[in-house]
Amino acid sequence: MGLTPKQFRELENRVSGRRGSKPREDLILTGSEVAAGCVILGIDPSLRGTGYGFIRTGKPNSTAIDHGTIVCPARWQRSRCLVQIAATLRDLIKKHHPELCVVEGLFFAQNLKTAITMGEARGAGLVAAAEAGMPIYEIAPRKVKQAIVGYGAASKNAVAKMVQRMLQLDEVPASDAADALALALTYAGSGNLLVGGAVKPI
């Protein structure tokens, strides 16, 4: 007799003793529930320059573990860029062992080609994170700026400078890396954002 996916999960829960428990991907941890020492990966996707940032949560301040930009030259075909993004993130994930991932949410783009290209880069990052089995969340760019700078239309430079201050970095991070770190920092303190549904599981 065949089992539906729901029946299989219920049977699996009964066998493991997790009666009534929900799969981890159905949960959203609030900022107050993210334990100190949790490693969070932020990804700011772009075909030519995907930013990444790893932070370790702590009280009173989180700390930066690693950050940078996955640069793909203009002469590269899109397919090669997507491989580079996914492969680099896989290596970084294996190195730093993040417990969850936060990516930039979808935004309105007037240019359809730009939207498709951004979506492809975002997909490459999502695949790398999903393969590692970690929960993945998204936050809209304006919500991140609001959380970090206090202004939803803040400039990239303002975000980068505030990220430098919050993480006590020696230098202002590059814009793409700063945006990725900002995503991770926003999730680490996301309690208020969850109320309005700004943090969404993927």
N, C-alpha and C. Protein backbone atom coordinates (compact mmCIF):
# COMPACT_ATOMS: atom_id res chain seq x y z
N MET A 1 0.84 -1.19 0.00
CA MET A 1 0.00 0.00 0.00
C MET A 1 0.88 1.24 0.00
N GLY A 2 0.58 2.23 -0.84
CA GLY A 2 1.39 3.45 -0.92
C GLY A 2 1.05 4.43 0.19
N LEU A 3 2.02 5.26 0.55
CA LEU A 3 1.84 6.28 1.57
C LEU A 3 1.95 7.67 0.94
N THR A 4 1.12 8.58 1.40
CA THR A 4 1.26 9.96 0.98
C THR A 4 2.45 10.57 1.71
N PRO A 5 3.01 11.68 1.20
CA PRO A 5 4.11 12.33 1.91
C PRO A 5 3.77 12.68 3.35
N LYS A 6 2.53 13.14 3.60
CA LYS A 6 2.12 13.48 4.96
C LYS A 6 2.10 12.26 5.85
N GLN A 7 1.56 11.14 5.33
CA GLN A 7 1.52 9.90 6.11
C GLN A 7 2.92 9.40 6.41
N PHE A 8 3.84 9.55 5.44
CA PHE A 8 5.22 9.12 5.65
C PHE A 8 5.88 9.92 6.77
N ARG A 9 5.65 11.25 6.79
CA ARG A 9 6.23 12.08 7.84
C ARG A 9 5.69 11.71 9.21
N GLU A 10 4.36 11.44 9.27
CA GLU A 10 3.74 11.05 10.54
C GLU A 10 4.30 9.73 11.04
N LEU A 11 4.50 8.79 10.12
CA LEU A 11 5.07 7.51 10.49
C LEU A 11 6.51 7.68 10.97
N GLU A 12 7.26 8.53 10.26
CA GLU A 12 8.65 8.79 10.64
C GLU A 12 8.73 9.42 12.03
N ASN A 13 7.80 10.33 12.33
CA ASN A 13 7.77 10.97 13.64
C ASN A 13 7.45 9.97 14.74
N ARG A 14 6.51 9.05 14.46
CA ARG A 14 6.15 8.05 15.47
C ARG A 14 7.32 7.13 15.77
N VAL A 15 8.04 6.74 14.72
CA VAL A 15 9.17 5.84 14.91
C VAL A 15 10.28 6.51 15.69
N SER A 16 10.51 7.80 15.43
CA SER A 16 11.61 8.51 16.10
C SER A 16 11.19 9.13 17.43
N GLY A 17 9.89 9.03 17.76
CA GLY A 17 9.43 9.58 19.02
C GLY A 17 9.08 11.04 18.95
N ARG A 18 9.11 11.63 17.78
CA ARG A 18 8.81 13.06 17.64
C ARG A 18 7.33 13.25 17.31
N ARG A 19 6.46 12.86 18.22
CA ARG A 19 5.02 12.94 17.98
C ARG A 19 4.57 14.39 17.88
N GLY A 20 3.91 14.67 16.78
CA GLY A 20 3.36 16.00 16.61
C GLY A 20 4.38 17.07 16.27
N SER A 21 5.65 16.69 16.09
CA SER A 21 6.65 17.70 15.78
C SER A 21 6.55 18.12 14.33
N LYS A 22 7.01 19.32 14.05
CA LYS A 22 6.98 19.85 12.69
C LYS A 22 8.37 19.75 12.08
N PRO A 23 8.46 19.57 10.76
CA PRO A 23 9.77 19.59 10.11
C PRO A 23 10.45 20.92 10.36
N ARG A 24 11.76 20.91 10.44
CA ARG A 24 12.52 22.11 10.74
C ARG A 24 12.25 23.21 9.73
N GLU A 25 12.00 22.86 8.48
CA GLU A 25 11.80 23.89 7.47
C GLU A 25 10.50 24.66 7.68
N ASP A 26 9.61 24.18 8.55
CA ASP A 26 8.38 24.89 8.82
C ASP A 26 8.53 25.90 9.95
N LEU A 27 9.70 25.91 10.59
CA LEU A 27 9.92 26.77 11.74
C LEU A 27 10.63 28.05 11.33
N ILE A 28 10.35 29.13 12.03
CA ILE A 28 11.10 30.37 11.88
C ILE A 28 11.63 30.75 13.25
N LEU A 29 12.93 30.80 13.39
CA LEU A 29 13.54 31.20 14.64
C LEU A 29 13.57 32.72 14.70
N THR A 30 13.09 33.29 15.81
CA THR A 30 13.16 34.73 15.96
C THR A 30 14.54 35.13 16.45
N GLY A 31 14.82 36.42 16.39
CA GLY A 31 16.12 36.89 16.84
C GLY A 31 16.43 36.46 18.25
N SER A 32 15.40 36.46 19.13
CA SER A 32 15.62 36.10 20.52
C SER A 32 15.86 34.60 20.69
N GLU A 33 15.46 33.81 19.69
CA GLU A 33 15.62 32.36 19.79
C GLU A 33 16.91 31.87 19.13
N VAL A 34 17.58 32.74 18.37
CA VAL A 34 18.84 32.36 17.75
C VAL A 34 19.91 32.36 18.84
N ALA A 35 20.42 31.19 19.16
CA ALA A 35 21.36 31.06 20.26
C ALA A 35 22.66 31.79 19.97
N ALA A 36 23.28 32.29 21.03
CA ALA A 36 24.59 32.91 20.89
C ALA A 36 25.56 31.87 20.34
N GLY A 37 26.38 32.29 19.39
CA GLY A 37 27.31 31.36 18.77
C GLY A 37 26.78 30.74 17.50
N CYS A 38 25.54 31.07 17.12
CA CYS A 38 24.97 30.55 15.88
C CYS A 38 25.65 31.22 14.68
N VAL A 39 26.02 30.45 13.70
CA VAL A 39 26.66 30.99 12.50
C VAL A 39 25.59 31.18 11.42
N ILE A 40 25.47 32.40 10.93
CA ILE A 40 24.47 32.74 9.92
C ILE A 40 25.17 33.17 8.64
N LEU A 41 24.70 32.65 7.52
CA LEU A 41 25.21 33.03 6.20
C LEU A 41 24.24 33.97 5.53
N GLY A 42 24.72 35.13 5.10
CA GLY A 42 23.92 36.05 4.31
C GLY A 42 24.40 36.03 2.87
N ILE A 43 23.46 36.05 1.92
CA ILE A 43 23.81 36.03 0.50
C ILE A 43 23.09 37.17 -0.22
N ASP A 44 23.87 38.01 -0.89
CA ASP A 44 23.33 39.08 -1.73
C ASP A 44 23.62 38.70 -3.18
N PRO A 45 22.65 38.06 -3.86
CA PRO A 45 22.92 37.49 -5.18
C PRO A 45 23.03 38.48 -6.32
N SER A 46 23.98 38.25 -7.19
CA SER A 46 24.16 39.02 -8.42
C SER A 46 25.03 38.19 -9.36
N LEU A 47 24.73 38.22 -10.63
CA LEU A 47 25.46 37.37 -11.56
C LEU A 47 26.94 37.69 -11.59
N ARG A 48 27.29 38.97 -11.58
CA ARG A 48 28.70 39.37 -11.69
C ARG A 48 29.38 39.61 -10.35
N GLY A 49 28.60 39.76 -9.29
CA GLY A 49 29.21 40.02 -7.99
C GLY A 49 28.30 39.62 -6.85
N THR A 50 28.27 38.33 -6.52
CA THR A 50 27.45 37.85 -5.41
C THR A 50 28.18 38.07 -4.09
N GLY A 51 27.54 38.83 -3.20
CA GLY A 51 28.14 39.07 -1.89
C GLY A 51 27.78 37.96 -0.92
N TYR A 52 28.71 37.64 -0.02
CA TYR A 52 28.43 36.66 1.03
C TYR A 52 29.01 37.18 2.33
N GLY A 53 28.38 36.78 3.42
CA GLY A 53 28.86 37.20 4.73
C GLY A 53 28.47 36.18 5.79
N PHE A 54 29.42 35.79 6.59
CA PHE A 54 29.17 34.87 7.70
C PHE A 54 29.36 35.62 9.01
N ILE A 55 28.38 35.53 9.90
CA ILE A 55 28.53 36.13 11.21
C ILE A 55 28.28 35.07 12.29
N ARG A 56 28.84 35.30 13.46
CA ARG A 56 28.53 34.47 14.63
C ARG A 56 27.79 35.35 15.62
N THR A 57 26.58 34.95 15.98
CA THR A 57 25.78 35.75 16.88
C THR A 57 26.38 35.75 18.28
N GLY A 58 26.18 36.85 18.97
CA GLY A 58 26.70 36.97 20.33
C GLY A 58 26.07 38.13 21.04
N LYS A 59 26.25 38.19 22.33
CA LYS A 59 25.72 39.27 23.14
C LYS A 59 26.88 39.97 23.83
N PRO A 60 26.99 41.31 23.70
CA PRO A 60 25.98 42.19 23.08
C PRO A 60 26.10 42.30 21.57
N ASN A 61 27.24 41.88 20.99
CA ASN A 61 27.44 42.09 19.55
C ASN A 61 27.78 40.80 18.82
N SER A 62 27.31 40.71 17.58
CA SER A 62 27.72 39.61 16.72
C SER A 62 29.09 39.93 16.13
N THR A 63 29.77 38.92 15.63
CA THR A 63 31.09 39.12 15.04
C THR A 63 31.12 38.55 13.62
N ALA A 64 31.95 39.15 12.79
CA ALA A 64 32.10 38.68 11.41
C ALA A 64 33.12 37.55 11.36
N ILE A 65 32.77 36.49 10.65
CA ILE A 65 33.68 35.36 10.47
C ILE A 65 34.40 35.49 9.13
N ASP A 66 33.62 35.79 8.09
CA ASP A 66 34.18 35.87 6.75
C ASP A 66 33.20 36.65 5.88
N HIS A 67 33.71 37.37 4.90
CA HIS A 67 32.85 38.06 3.95
C HIS A 67 33.65 38.37 2.69
N GLY A 68 32.92 38.56 1.61
CA GLY A 68 33.58 38.85 0.35
C GLY A 68 32.59 38.85 -0.81
N THR A 69 33.13 38.89 -2.01
CA THR A 69 32.31 38.94 -3.22
C THR A 69 32.79 37.89 -4.21
N ILE A 70 31.85 37.13 -4.74
CA ILE A 70 32.16 36.16 -5.79
C ILE A 70 32.09 36.90 -7.12
N VAL A 71 33.25 37.25 -7.66
CA VAL A 71 33.32 38.07 -8.87
C VAL A 71 33.39 37.19 -10.11
N CYS A 72 32.53 37.49 -11.08
CA CYS A 72 32.52 36.79 -12.36
C CYS A 72 32.73 37.82 -13.47
N PRO A 73 33.82 37.72 -14.23
CA PRO A 73 34.13 38.69 -15.29
C PRO A 73 33.01 38.81 -16.32
N ALA A 74 32.92 39.97 -16.93
CA ALA A 74 31.87 40.23 -17.93
C ALA A 74 31.98 39.30 -19.13
N ARG A 75 33.20 38.82 -19.41
CA ARG A 75 33.39 37.95 -20.58
C ARG A 75 32.84 36.53 -20.35
N TRP A 76 32.58 36.17 -19.11
CA TRP A 76 32.07 34.84 -18.82
C TRP A 76 30.61 34.72 -19.24
N GLN A 77 30.24 33.55 -19.76
CA GLN A 77 28.84 33.28 -20.06
C GLN A 77 28.08 33.11 -18.75
N ARG A 78 26.77 33.32 -18.79
CA ARG A 78 25.97 33.23 -17.57
C ARG A 78 26.09 31.86 -16.92
N SER A 79 26.11 30.82 -17.73
CA SER A 79 26.18 29.47 -17.16
C SER A 79 27.44 29.26 -16.34
N ARG A 80 28.55 29.81 -16.80
CA ARG A 80 29.80 29.69 -16.06
C ARG A 80 29.74 30.45 -14.75
N CYS A 81 29.10 31.60 -14.77
CA CYS A 81 28.95 32.40 -13.55
C CYS A 81 28.12 31.64 -12.51
N LEU A 82 27.06 31.01 -12.96
CA LEU A 82 26.19 30.29 -12.03
C LEU A 82 26.93 29.14 -11.37
N VAL A 83 27.75 28.44 -12.14
CA VAL A 83 28.57 27.36 -11.58
C VAL A 83 29.54 27.92 -10.54
N GLN A 84 30.17 29.05 -10.87
CA GLN A 84 31.13 29.67 -9.96
C GLN A 84 30.47 30.08 -8.64
N ILE A 85 29.28 30.66 -8.74
CA ILE A 85 28.56 31.09 -7.54
C ILE A 85 28.24 29.89 -6.65
N ALA A 86 27.66 28.86 -7.25
CA ALA A 86 27.26 27.68 -6.47
C ALA A 86 28.47 26.97 -5.89
N ALA A 87 29.52 26.78 -6.68
CA ALA A 87 30.70 26.06 -6.21
C ALA A 87 31.41 26.80 -5.09
N THR A 88 31.54 28.12 -5.23
CA THR A 88 32.21 28.91 -4.20
C THR A 88 31.44 28.87 -2.89
N LEU A 89 30.13 29.02 -2.98
CA LEU A 89 29.31 28.99 -1.77
C LEU A 89 29.36 27.61 -1.11
N ARG A 90 29.38 26.56 -1.91
CA ARG A 90 29.50 25.21 -1.33
C ARG A 90 30.78 25.09 -0.52
N ASP A 91 31.88 25.56 -1.07
CA ASP A 91 33.17 25.49 -0.37
C ASP A 91 33.14 26.31 0.92
N LEU A 92 32.55 27.49 0.86
CA LEU A 92 32.48 28.34 2.04
C LEU A 92 31.58 27.74 3.12
N ILE A 93 30.50 27.13 2.70
CA ILE A 93 29.59 26.48 3.65
C ILE A 93 30.29 25.31 4.35
N LYS A 94 31.05 24.54 3.61
CA LYS A 94 31.80 23.43 4.21
C LYS A 94 32.85 23.94 5.19
N LYS A 95 33.39 25.12 4.91
CA LYS A 95 34.44 25.69 5.77
C LYS A 95 33.87 26.26 7.06
N HIS A 96 32.74 26.97 6.97
CA HIS A 96 32.24 27.71 8.14
C HIS A 96 31.03 27.05 8.83
N HIS A 97 30.39 26.08 8.20
CA HIS A 97 29.28 25.33 8.80
C HIS A 97 28.17 26.22 9.35
N PRO A 98 27.57 27.06 8.53
CA PRO A 98 26.47 27.90 9.02
C PRO A 98 25.25 27.05 9.38
N GLU A 99 24.46 27.57 10.31
CA GLU A 99 23.27 26.86 10.76
C GLU A 99 22.01 27.31 10.03
N LEU A 100 22.06 28.47 9.41
CA LEU A 100 20.95 28.94 8.59
C LEU A 100 21.45 29.96 7.59
N CYS A 101 20.63 30.22 6.60
CA CYS A 101 21.01 31.12 5.51
C CYS A 101 19.91 32.15 5.29
N VAL A 102 20.33 33.38 4.98
CA VAL A 102 19.39 34.46 4.69
C VAL A 102 19.77 35.07 3.35
N VAL A 103 18.81 35.18 2.44
CA VAL A 103 19.07 35.76 1.13
C VAL A 103 18.20 37.00 0.93
N GLU A 104 18.63 37.85 0.02
CA GLU A 104 17.84 39.03 -0.30
C GLU A 104 16.55 38.63 -0.98
N GLY A 105 15.45 39.20 -0.55
CA GLY A 105 14.16 38.89 -1.15
C GLY A 105 14.04 39.45 -2.55
N LEU A 106 13.04 38.99 -3.27
CA LEU A 106 12.81 39.46 -4.63
C LEU A 106 12.40 40.92 -4.61
N PHE A 107 12.81 41.65 -5.62
CA PHE A 107 12.46 43.06 -5.72
C PHE A 107 11.89 43.34 -7.10
N PHE A 108 11.22 44.48 -7.23
CA PHE A 108 10.62 44.86 -8.50
C PHE A 108 11.70 45.36 -9.46
N ALA A 109 11.73 44.79 -10.65
CA ALA A 109 12.69 45.23 -11.67
C ALA A 109 11.93 45.57 -12.94
N GLN A 110 12.17 46.77 -13.45
CA GLN A 110 11.48 47.19 -14.67
C GLN A 110 12.00 46.43 -15.88
N ASN A 111 13.26 46.03 -15.85
CA ASN A 111 13.87 45.32 -16.97
C ASN A 111 13.71 43.82 -16.75
N LEU A 112 12.98 43.16 -17.64
CA LEU A 112 12.71 41.74 -17.50
C LEU A 112 14.00 40.92 -17.56
N LYS A 113 14.90 41.29 -18.45
CA LYS A 113 16.16 40.56 -18.59
C LYS A 113 16.97 40.62 -17.29
N THR A 114 16.98 41.80 -16.67
CA THR A 114 17.69 41.96 -15.41
C THR A 114 17.07 41.09 -14.32
N ALA A 115 15.76 41.06 -14.29
CA ALA A 115 15.05 40.26 -13.29
C ALA A 115 15.37 38.78 -13.45
N ILE A 116 15.39 38.31 -14.69
CA ILE A 116 15.68 36.90 -14.95
C ILE A 116 17.12 36.57 -14.55
N THR A 117 18.05 37.44 -14.91
CA THR A 117 19.45 37.21 -14.57
C THR A 117 19.66 37.17 -13.06
N MET A 118 19.04 38.11 -12.35
CA MET A 118 19.13 38.13 -10.89
C MET A 118 18.52 36.87 -10.29
N GLY A 119 17.42 36.45 -10.86
CA GLY A 119 16.77 35.23 -10.37
C GLY A 119 17.64 34.00 -10.55
N GLU A 120 18.37 33.96 -11.65
CA GLU A 120 19.27 32.83 -11.89
C GLU A 120 20.39 32.80 -10.85
N ALA A 121 20.97 33.96 -10.58
CA ALA A 121 22.04 34.04 -9.58
C ALA A 121 21.51 33.67 -8.20
N ARG A 122 20.32 34.13 -7.90
CA ARG A 122 19.70 33.81 -6.61
C ARG A 122 19.47 32.30 -6.50
N GLY A 123 19.05 31.70 -7.60
CA GLY A 123 18.82 30.26 -7.60
C GLY A 123 20.08 29.47 -7.35
N ALA A 124 21.20 29.92 -7.93
CA ALA A 124 22.47 29.23 -7.71
C ALA A 124 22.85 29.26 -6.24
N GLY A 125 22.63 30.41 -5.58
CA GLY A 125 22.92 30.51 -4.16
C GLY A 125 21.99 29.66 -3.33
N LEU A 126 20.71 29.63 -3.68
CA LEU A 126 19.74 28.84 -2.94
C LEU A 126 20.05 27.35 -3.03
N VAL A 127 20.47 26.89 -4.19
CA VAL A 127 20.82 25.48 -4.35
C VAL A 127 21.97 25.09 -3.43
N ALA A 128 23.02 25.93 -3.40
CA ALA A 128 24.17 25.64 -2.55
C ALA A 128 23.78 25.56 -1.08
N ALA A 129 22.91 26.48 -0.65
CA ALA A 129 22.48 26.48 0.75
C ALA A 129 21.54 25.31 1.03
N ALA A 130 20.62 25.04 0.11
CA ALA A 130 19.67 23.95 0.33
C ALA A 130 20.35 22.59 0.36
N GLU A 131 21.39 22.41 -0.43
CA GLU A 131 22.12 21.15 -0.43
C GLU A 131 22.72 20.85 0.94
N ALA A 132 23.06 21.92 1.67
CA ALA A 132 23.66 21.74 2.99
C ALA A 132 22.62 21.41 4.06
N GLY A 133 21.36 21.47 3.69
CA GLY A 133 20.29 21.07 4.59
C GLY A 133 19.90 22.10 5.63
N MET A 134 20.33 23.34 5.47
CA MET A 134 20.02 24.36 6.47
C MET A 134 18.73 25.10 6.12
N PRO A 135 18.03 25.66 7.12
CA PRO A 135 16.86 26.49 6.84
C PRO A 135 17.30 27.74 6.06
N ILE A 136 16.44 28.19 5.14
CA ILE A 136 16.74 29.37 4.33
C ILE A 136 15.59 30.36 4.46
N TYR A 137 15.93 31.63 4.64
CA TYR A 137 14.93 32.67 4.78
C TYR A 137 15.25 33.82 3.84
N GLU A 138 14.26 34.64 3.54
CA GLU A 138 14.47 35.81 2.72
C GLU A 138 13.91 37.05 3.41
N ILE A 139 14.57 38.19 3.17
CA ILE A 139 14.12 39.46 3.72
C ILE A 139 14.23 40.50 2.60
N ALA A 140 13.20 41.31 2.43
CA ALA A 140 13.20 42.32 1.38
C ALA A 140 14.29 43.36 1.63
N PRO A 141 14.91 43.87 0.57
CA PRO A 141 15.98 44.86 0.71
C PRO A 141 15.60 46.06 1.57
N ARG A 142 14.41 46.60 1.40
CA ARG A 142 14.00 47.78 2.18
C ARG A 142 13.92 47.46 3.67
N LYS A 143 13.48 46.25 3.99
CA LYS A 143 13.39 45.85 5.39
C LYS A 143 14.78 45.74 6.02
N VAL A 144 15.75 45.28 5.23
CA VAL A 144 17.13 45.17 5.73
C VAL A 144 17.68 46.57 6.01
N LYS A 145 17.48 47.49 5.06
CA LYS A 145 17.96 48.87 5.25
C LYS A 145 17.29 49.52 6.45
N GLN A 146 16.01 49.25 6.62
CA GLN A 146 15.28 49.81 7.75
C GLN A 146 15.85 49.29 9.06
N ALA A 147 16.18 47.99 9.10
CA ALA A 147 16.69 47.38 10.32
C ALA A 147 18.11 47.84 10.64
N ILE A 148 18.94 48.02 9.61
CA ILE A 148 20.35 48.35 9.82
C ILE A 148 20.58 49.85 9.98
N VAL A 149 19.97 50.63 9.11
CA VAL A 149 20.21 52.08 9.08
C VAL A 149 19.06 52.87 9.71
N GLY A 150 17.87 52.29 9.68
CA GLY A 150 16.70 53.01 10.18
C GLY A 150 15.94 53.74 9.11
N TYR A 151 16.32 53.49 7.83
CA TYR A 151 15.70 54.18 6.70
C TYR A 151 15.65 53.23 5.53
N GLY A 152 14.45 52.94 5.04
CA GLY A 152 14.27 51.93 4.01
C GLY A 152 14.86 52.25 2.66
N ALA A 153 15.19 53.52 2.42
CA ALA A 153 15.78 53.91 1.14
C ALA A 153 17.24 54.34 1.32
N ALA A 154 17.88 53.83 2.36
CA ALA A 154 19.28 54.20 2.64
C ALA A 154 20.20 53.77 1.50
N SER A 155 21.29 54.49 1.31
CA SER A 155 22.25 54.17 0.25
C SER A 155 23.09 52.95 0.65
N LYS A 156 23.70 52.34 -0.35
CA LYS A 156 24.58 51.20 -0.10
C LYS A 156 25.74 51.61 0.81
N ASN A 157 26.24 52.82 0.61
CA ASN A 157 27.35 53.29 1.42
C ASN A 157 26.96 53.42 2.89
N ALA A 158 25.74 53.90 3.13
CA ALA A 158 25.25 54.04 4.50
C ALA A 158 25.13 52.67 5.17
N VAL A 159 24.64 51.69 4.41
CA VAL A 159 24.52 50.32 4.93
C VAL A 159 25.90 49.76 5.27
N ALA A 160 26.84 49.96 4.35
CA ALA A 160 28.19 49.42 4.55
C ALA A 160 28.85 50.02 5.80
N LYS A 161 28.68 51.33 5.98
CA LYS A 161 29.30 51.98 7.14
C LYS A 161 28.66 51.52 8.45
N MET A 162 27.35 51.31 8.44
CA MET A 162 26.69 50.84 9.65
C MET A 162 27.08 49.39 9.95
N VAL A 163 27.22 48.58 8.91
CA VAL A 163 27.67 47.19 9.11
C VAL A 163 29.07 47.19 9.71
N GLN A 164 29.94 48.04 9.20
CA GLN A 164 31.29 48.14 9.75
C GLN A 164 31.24 48.47 11.24
N ARG A 165 30.38 49.40 11.59
CA ARG A 165 30.26 49.81 12.99
C ARG A 165 29.70 48.68 13.85
N MET A 166 28.66 48.02 13.38
CA MET A 166 28.01 46.98 14.16
C MET A 166 28.92 45.78 14.39
N LEU A 167 29.74 45.46 13.39
CA LEU A 167 30.63 44.30 13.50
C LEU A 167 32.05 44.68 13.90
N GLN A 168 32.27 45.98 14.09
CA GLN A 168 33.57 46.49 14.52
C GLN A 168 34.69 46.03 13.56
N LEU A 169 34.43 46.23 12.28
CA LEU A 169 35.40 45.86 11.26
C LEU A 169 36.44 46.96 11.09
N ASP A 170 37.64 46.59 10.72
CA ASP A 170 38.71 47.57 10.53
C ASP A 170 38.45 48.47 9.33
N GLU A 171 37.80 47.92 8.30
CA GLU A 171 37.53 48.68 7.09
C GLU A 171 36.06 48.53 6.69
N VAL A 172 35.60 49.48 5.91
CA VAL A 172 34.24 49.39 5.36
C VAL A 172 34.21 48.25 4.35
N PRO A 173 33.33 47.27 4.50
CA PRO A 173 33.29 46.16 3.54
C PRO A 173 32.78 46.61 2.18
N ALA A 174 33.16 45.88 1.13
CA ALA A 174 32.64 46.15 -0.21
C ALA A 174 31.12 46.06 -0.19
N SER A 175 30.47 46.80 -1.08
CA SER A 175 29.01 46.95 -1.01
C SER A 175 28.26 45.62 -1.04
N ASP A 176 28.65 44.71 -1.94
CA ASP A 176 27.94 43.43 -2.04
C ASP A 176 28.12 42.60 -0.77
N ALA A 177 29.34 42.57 -0.25
CA ALA A 177 29.61 41.84 0.99
C ALA A 177 28.89 42.49 2.16
N ALA A 178 28.86 43.83 2.17
CA ALA A 178 28.16 44.55 3.24
C ALA A 178 26.68 44.22 3.25
N ASP A 179 26.08 44.15 2.07
CA ASP A 179 24.66 43.80 1.98
C ASP A 179 24.41 42.39 2.50
N ALA A 180 25.33 41.47 2.22
CA ALA A 180 25.19 40.10 2.71
C ALA A 180 25.30 40.05 4.24
N LEU A 181 26.27 40.78 4.78
CA LEU A 181 26.42 40.84 6.23
C LEU A 181 25.20 41.50 6.87
N ALA A 182 24.65 42.51 6.20
CA ALA A 182 23.46 43.19 6.71
C ALA A 182 22.27 42.23 6.78
N LEU A 183 22.14 41.36 5.81
CA LEU A 183 21.08 40.36 5.83
C LEU A 183 21.21 39.46 7.05
N ALA A 184 22.43 38.98 7.30
CA ALA A 184 22.66 38.10 8.44
C ALA A 184 22.38 38.83 9.76
N LEU A 185 22.84 40.07 9.85
CA LEU A 185 22.61 40.86 11.06
C LEU A 185 21.13 41.14 11.29
N THR A 186 20.42 41.41 10.21
CA THR A 186 18.98 41.68 10.32
C THR A 186 18.26 40.46 10.85
N TYR A 187 18.60 39.29 10.34
CA TYR A 187 17.94 38.08 10.84
C TYR A 187 18.28 37.82 12.30
N ALA A 188 19.53 38.08 12.68
CA ALA A 188 19.96 37.84 14.06
C ALA A 188 19.14 38.64 15.06
N GLY A 189 18.60 39.78 14.61
CA GLY A 189 17.77 40.59 15.49
C GLY A 189 16.37 40.77 14.94
N SER A 190 15.82 39.70 14.39
CA SER A 190 14.61 39.81 13.56
C SER A 190 13.29 39.74 14.30
N GLY A 191 13.28 39.76 15.62
CA GLY A 191 12.03 39.59 16.35
C GLY A 191 10.91 40.48 15.87
N ASN A 192 11.14 41.78 15.75
CA ASN A 192 10.09 42.72 15.34
C ASN A 192 9.68 42.52 13.90
N LEU A 193 10.63 42.12 13.04
CA LEU A 193 10.31 41.95 11.63
C LEU A 193 9.38 40.77 11.40
N LEU A 194 9.45 39.77 12.28
CA LEU A 194 8.62 38.59 12.10
C LEU A 194 7.14 38.91 12.28
N VAL A 195 6.85 39.90 13.10
CA VAL A 195 5.47 40.27 13.35
C VAL A 195 4.77 40.69 12.06
N GLY A 196 5.49 41.42 11.23
CA GLY A 196 4.92 41.88 9.97
C GLY A 196 5.16 40.93 8.81
N GLY A 197 5.71 39.78 9.07
CA GLY A 197 5.95 38.80 8.02
C GLY A 197 7.09 39.17 7.10
N ALA A 198 8.01 40.03 7.57
CA ALA A 198 9.13 40.46 6.71
C ALA A 198 10.14 39.35 6.49
N VAL A 199 10.26 38.45 7.44
CA VAL A 199 11.17 37.31 7.31
C VAL A 199 10.35 36.10 6.86
N LYS A 200 10.70 35.57 5.69
CA LYS A 200 9.90 34.49 5.11
C LYS A 200 10.77 33.27 4.84
N PRO A 201 10.31 32.09 5.20
CA PRO A 201 11.07 30.87 4.88
C PRO A 201 10.95 30.53 3.41
N ILE A 202 11.98 29.96 2.87
CA ILE A 202 11.98 29.54 1.46
C ILE A 202 12.00 28.01 1.43
